[in-house]
C-alpha atoms as a PDB file:
ATOM      1  CA  MET A   1      32.338 133.762  96.630  1.00  0.00           C
ATOM      2  CA  SER A   2      29.111 133.294  98.510  1.00  0.00           C
ATOM      3  CA  LYS A   3      27.621 130.001  99.748  1.00  0.00           C
ATOM      4  CA  PRO A   4      26.721 127.818  96.763  1.00  0.00           C
ATOM      5  CA  ILE A   5      23.078 126.918  96.330  1.00  0.00           C
ATOM      6  CA  ILE A   6      23.091 123.181  96.882  1.00  0.00           C
ATOM      7  CA  ILE A   7      20.535 121.002  95.057  1.00  0.00           C
ATOM      8  CA  GLY A   8      19.994 117.393  95.863  1.00  0.00           C
ATOM      9  CA  ILE A   9      18.617 115.101  93.151  1.00  0.00           C
ATOM     10  CA  ALA A  10      17.540 111.720  94.555  1.00  0.00           C
ATOM     11  CA  GLY A  11      15.579 108.800  92.880  1.00  0.00           C
ATOM     12  CA  GLY A  12      15.882 105.113  91.846  1.00  0.00           C
ATOM     13  CA  SER A  13      18.649 103.672  89.678  1.00  0.00           C
ATOM     14  CA  ALA A  14      18.475 104.978  86.169  1.00  0.00           C
ATOM     15  CA  SER A  15      15.264 107.067  87.117  1.00  0.00           C
ATOM     16  CA  GLY A  16      17.032 110.342  85.139  1.00  0.00           C
ATOM     17  CA  LYS A  17      18.751 112.105  87.764  1.00  0.00           C
ATOM     18  CA  THR A  18      22.002 112.535  85.718  1.00  0.00           C
ATOM     19  CA  SER A  19      20.138 113.826  82.846  1.00  0.00           C
ATOM     20  CA  ILE A  20      18.229 116.526  85.008  1.00  0.00           C
ATOM     21  CA  SER A  21      21.608 117.347  86.493  1.00  0.00           C
ATOM     22  CA  ARG A  22      23.142 117.990  83.156  1.00  0.00           C
ATOM     23  CA  ARG A  23      20.008 120.310  81.914  1.00  0.00           C
ATOM     24  CA  ILE A  24      20.369 122.385  85.056  1.00  0.00           C
ATOM     25  CA  LYS A  25      23.813 122.809  84.395  1.00  0.00           C
ATOM     26  CA  ASP A  26      23.499 123.660  80.734  1.00  0.00           C
ATOM     27  CA  GLN A  27      20.842 126.201  81.727  1.00  0.00           C
ATOM     28  CA  PHE A  28      23.051 128.158  84.127  1.00  0.00           C
ATOM     29  CA  ALA A  29      26.588 127.491  82.120  1.00  0.00           C
ATOM     30  CA  ASP A  30      26.799 130.954  80.605  1.00  0.00           C
ATOM     31  CA  VAL A  31      26.072 132.964  84.005  1.00  0.00           C
ATOM     32  CA  LYS A  32      27.156 130.999  87.108  1.00  0.00           C
ATOM     33  CA  SER A  33      29.609 128.233  87.744  1.00  0.00           C
ATOM     34  CA  VAL A  34      27.839 124.790  88.221  1.00  0.00           C
ATOM     35  CA  LEU A  35      29.397 121.846  89.746  1.00  0.00           C
ATOM     36  CA  ILE A  36      27.969 118.185  89.675  1.00  0.00           C
ATOM     37  CA  ILE A  37      29.081 115.791  92.128  1.00  0.00           C
ATOM     38  CA  ARG A  38      27.788 112.026  91.924  1.00  0.00           C
ATOM     39  CA  GLN A  39      27.304 110.188  94.919  1.00  0.00           C
ATOM     40  CA  ASP A  40      28.345 106.749  92.871  1.00  0.00           C
ATOM     41  CA  ASP A  41      31.797 108.165  93.091  1.00  0.00           C
ATOM     42  CA  TYR A  42      31.576 107.956  96.890  1.00  0.00           C
ATOM     43  CA  TYR A  43      31.134 104.237  97.115  1.00  0.00           C
ATOM     44  CA  LYS A  44      33.485 102.873  99.736  1.00  0.00           C
ATOM     45  CA  ASP A  45      37.060 101.726  98.688  1.00  0.00           C
ATOM     46  CA  GLN A  46      37.378  98.004  98.310  1.00  0.00           C
ATOM     47  CA  SER A  47      40.933  97.683  97.024  1.00  0.00           C
ATOM     48  CA  ASP A  48      41.984  95.655 100.068  1.00  0.00           C
ATOM     49  CA  LYS A  49      39.435  93.067  99.102  1.00  0.00           C
ATOM     50  CA  PRO A  50      39.681  90.292  96.420  1.00  0.00           C
ATOM     51  CA  MET A  51      37.197  90.387  93.541  1.00  0.00           C
ATOM     52  CA  GLU A  52      35.120  87.527  94.683  1.00  0.00           C
ATOM     53  CA  GLU A  53      34.270  89.583  97.898  1.00  0.00           C
ATOM     54  CA  ARG A  54      34.057  92.864  95.844  1.00  0.00           C
ATOM     55  CA  ILE A  55      31.139  91.349  93.727  1.00  0.00           C
ATOM     56  CA  LYS A  56      29.109  90.397  96.734  1.00  0.00           C
ATOM     57  CA  THR A  57      28.793  93.790  98.159  1.00  0.00           C
ATOM     58  CA  ASN A  58      25.292  95.324  98.158  1.00  0.00           C
ATOM     59  CA  TYR A  59      25.746  98.526  96.284  1.00  0.00           C
ATOM     60  CA  ASP A  60      22.099  99.388  96.556  1.00  0.00           C
ATOM     61  CA  HIS A  61      22.483  99.738 100.334  1.00  0.00           C
ATOM     62  CA  PRO A  62      23.168 103.183 102.169  1.00  0.00           C
ATOM     63  CA  PHE A  63      26.247 101.240 103.932  1.00  0.00           C
ATOM     64  CA  ALA A  64      28.141 100.755 100.679  1.00  0.00           C
ATOM     65  CA  PHE A  65      28.585 104.666 100.405  1.00  0.00           C
ATOM     66  CA  ASP A  66      31.231 106.933 102.352  1.00  0.00           C
ATOM     67  CA  ASN A  67      28.900 109.707 103.062  1.00  0.00           C
ATOM     68  CA  ASP A  68      31.515 111.103 106.104  1.00  0.00           C
ATOM     69  CA  LEU A  69      33.799 111.811 103.008  1.00  0.00           C
ATOM     70  CA  LEU A  70      31.102 113.119 100.696  1.00  0.00           C
ATOM     71  CA  MET A  71      29.778 115.491 103.447  1.00  0.00           C
ATOM     72  CA  ASP A  72      33.443 116.562 104.365  1.00  0.00           C
ATOM     73  CA  HIS A  73      33.735 117.712 100.654  1.00  0.00           C
ATOM     74  CA  ILE A  74      30.716 119.397 100.512  1.00  0.00           C
ATOM     75  CA  LYS A  75      31.476 121.438 103.503  1.00  0.00           C
ATOM     76  CA  ALA A  76      34.800 121.971 102.122  1.00  0.00           C
ATOM     77  CA  LEU A  77      33.243 123.390  98.885  1.00  0.00           C
ATOM     78  CA  ILE A  78      30.861 125.713 100.938  1.00  0.00           C
ATOM     79  CA  ASP A  79      33.761 127.132 102.638  1.00  0.00           C
ATOM     80  CA  GLY A  80      35.433 128.100  99.508  1.00  0.00           C
ATOM     81  CA  GLN A  81      38.048 125.217  99.277  1.00  0.00           C
ATOM     82  CA  GLU A  82      39.028 122.853  96.356  1.00  0.00           C
ATOM     83  CA  ILE A  83      38.459 119.226  96.773  1.00  0.00           C
ATOM     84  CA  GLU A  84      40.150 116.021  95.353  1.00  0.00           C
ATOM     85  CA  LYS A  85      36.935 114.068  94.491  1.00  0.00           C
ATOM     86  CA  PRO A  86      37.078 110.278  94.082  1.00  0.00           C
ATOM     87  CA  THR A  87      35.849 108.481  91.126  1.00  0.00           C
ATOM     88  CA  TYR A  88      34.597 104.728  91.351  1.00  0.00           C
ATOM     89  CA  ASP A  89      35.881 101.920  88.833  1.00  0.00           C
ATOM     90  CA  PHE A  90      32.592 100.019  88.154  1.00  0.00           C
ATOM     91  CA  VAL A  91      34.508  97.312  86.226  1.00  0.00           C
ATOM     92  CA  ASN A  92      36.760  96.530  89.180  1.00  0.00           C
ATOM     93  CA  HIS A  93      34.144  96.972  91.834  1.00  0.00           C
ATOM     94  CA  THR A  94      36.521  99.591  93.796  1.00  0.00           C
ATOM     95  CA  ARG A  95      37.603 103.283  94.025  1.00  0.00           C
ATOM     96  CA  SER A  96      39.620 104.252  91.193  1.00  0.00           C
ATOM     97  CA  GLU A  97      43.113 105.686  91.343  1.00  0.00           C
ATOM     98  CA  ILE A  98      42.185 108.652  89.466  1.00  0.00           C
ATOM     99  CA  THR A  99      40.778 111.606  91.386  1.00  0.00           C
ATOM    100  CA  GLU A 100      39.304 114.770  89.850  1.00  0.00           C
ATOM    101  CA  LYS A 101      40.024 118.429  91.205  1.00  0.00           C
ATOM    102  CA  CYS A 102      36.517 120.422  91.885  1.00  0.00           C
ATOM    103  CA  TYR A 103      36.411 123.941  92.656  1.00  0.00           C
ATOM    104  CA  PRO A 104      34.116 126.024  94.648  1.00  0.00           C
ATOM    105  CA  CYS A 105      30.947 127.021  92.621  1.00  0.00           C
ATOM    106  CA  ASP A 106      27.869 129.063  92.454  1.00  0.00           C
ATOM    107  CA  VAL A 107      25.537 126.026  92.281  1.00  0.00           C
ATOM    108  CA  LEU A 108      26.362 122.573  93.320  1.00  0.00           C
ATOM    109  CA  ILE A 109      24.345 119.675  92.220  1.00  0.00           C
ATOM    110  CA  LEU A 110      24.495 116.574  94.349  1.00  0.00           C
ATOM    111  CA  GLU A 111      22.800 113.398  92.596  1.00  0.00           C
ATOM    112  CA  GLY A 112      22.419 109.843  93.694  1.00  0.00           C
ATOM    113  CA  LEU A 113      20.480 107.022  94.923  1.00  0.00           C
ATOM    114  CA  PHE A 114      20.702 108.180  98.570  1.00  0.00           C
ATOM    115  CA  VAL A 115      21.107 111.871  98.728  1.00  0.00           C
ATOM    116  CA  LEU A 116      17.857 112.338 100.418  1.00  0.00           C
ATOM    117  CA  GLU A 117      18.246 109.132 102.548  1.00  0.00           C
ATOM    118  CA  ASN A 118      20.824 110.582 105.249  1.00  0.00           C
ATOM    119  CA  GLU A 119      19.611 113.318 107.581  1.00  0.00           C
ATOM    120  CA  LYS A 120      22.901 115.236 107.808  1.00  0.00           C
ATOM    121  CA  LEU A 121      23.100 115.251 103.996  1.00  0.00           C
ATOM    122  CA  ARG A 122      19.674 116.460 103.683  1.00  0.00           C
ATOM    123  CA  GLU A 123      20.355 119.548 106.139  1.00  0.00           C
ATOM    124  CA  LEU A 124      23.071 120.854 103.754  1.00  0.00           C
ATOM    125  CA  LEU A 125      20.587 121.029 100.877  1.00  0.00           C
ATOM    126  CA  ASP A 126      18.705 124.106  99.676  1.00  0.00           C
ATOM    127  CA  ILE A 127      16.515 122.304  97.148  1.00  0.00           C
ATOM    128  CA  LYS A 128      15.620 118.561  97.553  1.00  0.00           C
ATOM    129  CA  VAL A 129      14.617 116.651  94.380  1.00  0.00           C
ATOM    130  CA  PHE A 130      13.060 113.348  93.911  1.00  0.00           C
ATOM    131  CA  VAL A 131      12.893 111.841  90.344  1.00  0.00           C
ATOM    132  CA  ASP A 132       9.980 109.375  90.212  1.00  0.00           C
ATOM    133  CA  THR A 133      10.376 107.162  87.125  1.00  0.00           C
ATOM    134  CA  PRO A 134       8.456 103.924  86.835  1.00  0.00           C
ATOM    135  CA  ALA A 135      10.225 100.738  87.728  1.00  0.00           C
ATOM    136  CA  ASP A 136      10.107  99.063  84.209  1.00  0.00           C
ATOM    137  CA  ILE A 137      11.310 102.106  82.437  1.00  0.00           C
ATOM    138  CA  ARG A 138      14.221 102.458  85.195  1.00  0.00           C
ATOM    139  CA  PHE A 139      15.220  98.425  84.743  1.00  0.00           C
ATOM    140  CA  ILE A 140      15.403  98.771  81.055  1.00  0.00           C
ATOM    141  CA  ARG A 141      17.627 101.855  81.418  1.00  0.00           C
ATOM    142  CA  ARG A 142      19.850 100.183  83.812  1.00  0.00           C
ATOM    143  CA  LEU A 143      20.200  96.870  81.847  1.00  0.00           C
ATOM    144  CA  LEU A 144      21.567  98.961  78.772  1.00  0.00           C
ATOM    145  CA  ARG A 145      23.624 101.157  80.917  1.00  0.00           C
ATOM    146  CA  ASP A 146      25.362  98.440  82.860  1.00  0.00           C
ATOM    147  CA  VAL A 147      26.022  96.235  80.054  1.00  0.00           C
ATOM    148  CA  LYS A 148      27.192  99.029  77.489  1.00  0.00           C
ATOM    149  CA  GLU A 149      29.080 101.089  80.220  1.00  0.00           C
ATOM    150  CA  ARG A 150      30.046  99.134  83.151  1.00  0.00           C
ATOM    151  CA  GLY A 151      31.114  95.804  81.590  1.00  0.00           C
ATOM    152  CA  ARG A 152      28.245  93.699  83.067  1.00  0.00           C
ATOM    153  CA  ASN A 153      26.565  90.631  81.387  1.00  0.00           C
ATOM    154  CA  MET A 154      22.649  90.640  81.159  1.00  0.00           C
ATOM    155  CA  ASP A 155      22.326  87.436  83.432  1.00  0.00           C
ATOM    156  CA  GLY A 156      24.229  89.345  86.139  1.00  0.00           C
ATOM    157  CA  VAL A 157      22.313  92.670  85.751  1.00  0.00           C
ATOM    158  CA  VAL A 158      18.856  91.026  85.838  1.00  0.00           C
ATOM    159  CA  SER A 159      19.946  88.652  88.995  1.00  0.00           C
ATOM    160  CA  GLN A 160      21.234  91.857  90.752  1.00  0.00           C
ATOM    161  CA  TYR A 161      17.797  93.701  90.107  1.00  0.00           C
ATOM    162  CA  VAL A 162      15.630  90.989  91.151  1.00  0.00           C
ATOM    163  CA  ASN A 163      17.654  90.250  94.338  1.00  0.00           C
ATOM    164  CA  THR A 164      18.773  93.440  95.515  1.00  0.00           C
ATOM    165  CA  VAL A 165      17.983  96.730  93.422  1.00  0.00           C
ATOM    166  CA  ARG A 166      14.187  96.467  93.728  1.00  0.00           C
ATOM    167  CA  VAL A 167      14.137  95.343  97.427  1.00  0.00           C
ATOM    168  CA  MET A 168      16.690  98.076  98.389  1.00  0.00           C
ATOM    169  CA  HIS A 169      14.608 100.491  96.430  1.00  0.00           C
ATOM    170  CA  GLU A 170      11.373  99.838  98.084  1.00  0.00           C
ATOM    171  CA  SER A 171      13.094  99.666 101.495  1.00  0.00           C
ATOM    172  CA  PHE A 172      15.381 102.893 101.455  1.00  0.00           C
ATOM    173  CA  ILE A 173      14.886 104.880  98.246  1.00  0.00           C
ATOM    174  CA  GLU A 174      11.045 105.279  97.743  1.00  0.00           C
ATOM    175  CA  PRO A 175      10.323 106.257 101.280  1.00  0.00           C
ATOM    176  CA  THR A 176      12.743 109.440 100.797  1.00  0.00           C
ATOM    177  CA  LYS A 177      10.143 110.818  98.286  1.00  0.00           C
ATOM    178  CA  ARG A 178       8.569 112.423 101.675  1.00  0.00           C
ATOM    179  CA  TYR A 179      11.601 114.593 102.090  1.00  0.00           C
ATOM    180  CA  ALA A 180      11.533 116.197  98.632  1.00  0.00           C
ATOM    181  CA  ASP A 181      10.625 119.624  97.747  1.00  0.00           C
ATOM    182  CA  ILE A 182       9.959 118.697  94.080  1.00  0.00           C
ATOM    183  CA  ILE A 183       8.982 115.549  92.617  1.00  0.00           C
ATOM    184  CA  ILE A 184       9.567 115.169  88.862  1.00  0.00           C
ATOM    185  CA  PRO A 185       7.864 112.253  87.233  1.00  0.00           C
ATOM    186  CA  GLU A 186       9.615 110.645  84.023  1.00  0.00           C
ATOM    187  CA  GLY A 187      12.997 112.219  84.701  1.00  0.00           C
ATOM    188  CA  GLY A 188      14.698 114.452  82.391  1.00  0.00           C
ATOM    189  CA  SER A 189      12.085 114.173  79.689  1.00  0.00           C
ATOM    190  CA  ASN A 190       9.780 116.075  82.049  1.00  0.00           C
ATOM    191  CA  SER A 191      10.696 119.628  80.360  1.00  0.00           C
ATOM    192  CA  VAL A 192       8.010 121.481  82.427  1.00  0.00           C
ATOM    193  CA  ALA A 193       9.261 120.056  85.800  1.00  0.00           C
ATOM    194  CA  VAL A 194      12.866 121.004  84.818  1.00  0.00           C
ATOM    195  CA  ASP A 195      11.916 124.307  83.833  1.00  0.00           C
ATOM    196  CA  LEU A 196      10.219 125.160  87.109  1.00  0.00           C
ATOM    197  CA  LEU A 197      13.087 123.658  88.915  1.00  0.00           C
ATOM    198  CA  THR A 198      15.437 126.015  87.028  1.00  0.00           C
ATOM    199  CA  THR A 199      13.222 128.952  87.659  1.00  0.00           C
ATOM    200  CA  LYS A 200      13.340 128.297  91.441  1.00  0.00           C
ATOM    201  CA  ILE A 201      16.944 128.135  91.189  1.00  0.00           C
ATOM    202  CA  SER A 202      16.965 131.373  89.425  1.00  0.00           C
ATOM    203  CA  SER A 203      15.013 133.055  92.023  1.00  0.00           C
ATOM    204  CA  ILE A 204      17.233 131.957  94.875  1.00  0.00           C
ATOM    205  CA  ILE A 205      20.287 133.093  93.007  1.00  0.00           C
ATOM    206  CA  HIS A 206      18.523 136.634  92.513  1.00  0.00           C
ATOM    207  CA  HIS A 207      17.723 136.996  96.099  1.00  0.00           C
ATOM    208  CA  SER A 208      21.049 135.854  97.205  1.00  0.00           C
ATOM    209  CA  MET A 209      22.525 138.536  95.313  1.00  0.00           C
ATOM    210  CA  LEU A 210      20.372 141.476  96.794  1.00  0.00           C
END
């Protein structure tokens, strides 16, 4: 298998990164193997810390992620090796004991808050995408998601957004927009932008086969 096309999709929390990733995967599911890796699964393990310490972690800062492991795994997939990808337990604020076996692929989609923030990570990407969704929409989506899917309460989500999420977005995520090859407003609902992105991916696949 030849080197996979690696697409990095960055953007603020609940901006629509996952929706775009899934739409791309669905587009190529019949012709190419597509793997989605979420940077969220590479939050650092905190199993050695008590819960009261875990909840103090700033999960919206680049230092919260184990980017060394993430890059090692991406390089392994590039070299045609399978990996055991970690998963994260958002209820218990630490790495889960469950891992997922991932195999080499034709198209690798890496999505996460800080995919474009790390220079070494950017160097591995063939296409760099930034999902640019208004802050009020992102906040509403995050509130609904964290309460329904991650066992959080409303007051906690609001406090985290005001005290860390918004500040970290302005400091570390928004500035990475300048590294993007493609900026997609409104996330996965922007069908025109997603279609243009999939067309570009198809073009790269075609030229790689020549």
